[in-house]
Amino acid sequence: KQIPPAERARTPVTGVMKRAAEVHTVGPNEPLEAALQLLVSQDIRQLVVLENGRVIGLLSRGDVLRVLEIAEVVMPPSSS
């Protein structure tokens, strides 16, 4: 959302935040590849991680890519 510079100092958080219904979520036991697929398919940068209806963290696209990249370096695919 674009807010004119003169209005920024008095713009409340509700003026720029996403509504709860617009936020994508995952559970803490969701596979990383499924989370990455959701991030990519919805063209979003972060997912809210919920457990029993409570926010327990945020998962970014970068977080997932770093883990998958590290896994590839540590355990490269077999060339069979």
Protein backbone atom coordinates (compact mmCIF):
# COMPACT_ATOMS: atom_id res chain seq x y z
CA LYS A 1 0.00 0.00 0.00
CA GLN A 2 1.27 3.41 -0.88
CA ILE A 3 0.91 6.14 1.71
CA PRO A 4 1.79 9.72 0.87
CA PRO A 5 4.83 10.93 2.87
CA ALA A 6 2.80 13.60 4.64
CA GLU A 7 0.41 10.96 6.02
CA ARG A 8 2.96 8.31 7.12
CA ALA A 9 3.58 9.64 10.64
CA ARG A 10 -0.10 9.41 11.55
CA THR A 11 -1.04 6.26 9.62
CA PRO A 12 -2.04 3.48 12.03
CA VAL A 13 -0.79 -0.08 11.64
CA THR A 14 -4.29 -1.14 10.56
CA GLY A 15 -3.86 1.09 7.52
CA VAL A 16 -1.11 -1.11 6.09
CA MET A 17 -1.39 -4.54 7.71
CA LYS A 18 -2.80 -7.64 6.10
CA ARG A 19 -6.03 -8.92 7.58
CA ALA A 20 -5.95 -12.34 9.27
CA ALA A 21 -8.03 -13.83 6.46
CA GLU A 22 -5.34 -12.75 3.96
CA VAL A 23 -2.43 -14.38 5.82
CA HIS A 24 -1.22 -17.81 4.74
CA THR A 25 -0.33 -20.26 7.50
CA VAL A 26 1.36 -23.61 7.99
CA GLY A 27 1.66 -25.99 10.90
CA PRO A 28 4.98 -26.71 12.58
CA ASN A 29 5.07 -30.27 11.19
CA GLU A 30 4.37 -29.27 7.58
CA PRO A 31 7.05 -30.58 5.19
CA LEU A 32 9.46 -27.85 4.04
CA GLU A 33 8.87 -28.64 0.39
CA ALA A 34 5.10 -28.17 0.85
CA ALA A 35 5.72 -24.84 2.59
CA LEU A 36 8.00 -23.73 -0.24
CA GLN A 37 5.40 -24.74 -2.80
CA LEU A 38 2.82 -22.58 -0.99
CA LEU A 39 5.24 -19.64 -0.82
CA VAL A 40 5.94 -19.89 -4.54
CA SER A 41 2.41 -20.63 -5.74
CA GLN A 42 0.94 -17.73 -3.75
CA ASP A 43 3.92 -15.45 -4.54
CA ILE A 44 4.44 -14.60 -0.88
CA ARG A 45 7.59 -14.16 1.17
CA GLN A 46 6.50 -15.44 4.58
CA LEU A 47 4.15 -17.90 6.21
CA VAL A 48 2.83 -17.65 9.73
CA VAL A 49 3.44 -20.88 11.66
CA LEU A 50 0.45 -21.79 13.85
CA GLU A 51 0.18 -24.46 16.53
CA ASN A 52 -3.16 -24.97 18.26
CA GLY A 53 -4.32 -21.63 16.89
CA ARG A 54 -1.34 -19.73 18.32
CA VAL A 55 1.41 -18.03 16.34
CA ILE A 56 4.68 -19.74 17.14
CA GLY A 57 6.82 -18.29 14.36
CA LEU A 58 7.36 -17.03 10.85
CA LEU A 59 8.84 -19.01 7.98
CA SER A 60 10.34 -17.10 5.07
CA ARG A 61 11.06 -18.27 1.57
CA GLY A 62 14.74 -17.56 2.27
CA ASP A 63 14.66 -19.76 5.40
CA VAL A 64 13.38 -22.71 3.39
CA LEU A 65 15.76 -22.18 0.48
CA ARG A 66 18.77 -21.95 2.81
CA VAL A 67 17.86 -25.24 4.51
CA LEU A 68 17.26 -27.02 1.21
CA GLU A 69 20.52 -25.62 -0.20
CA ILE A 70 22.47 -26.76 2.86
CA ALA A 71 20.88 -30.21 2.64
CA GLU A 72 21.93 -30.45 -1.02
CA VAL A 73 25.52 -29.55 -0.15
CA VAL A 74 25.70 -31.97 2.79
CA MET A 75 23.82 -34.79 1.06
CA PRO A 76 24.05 -34.30 -2.72
CA PRO A 77 21.66 -36.40 -4.82
CA SER A 78 23.12 -39.76 -5.74
CA SER A 79 24.20 -40.13 -9.36
CA SER A 80 22.71 -43.55 -9.99
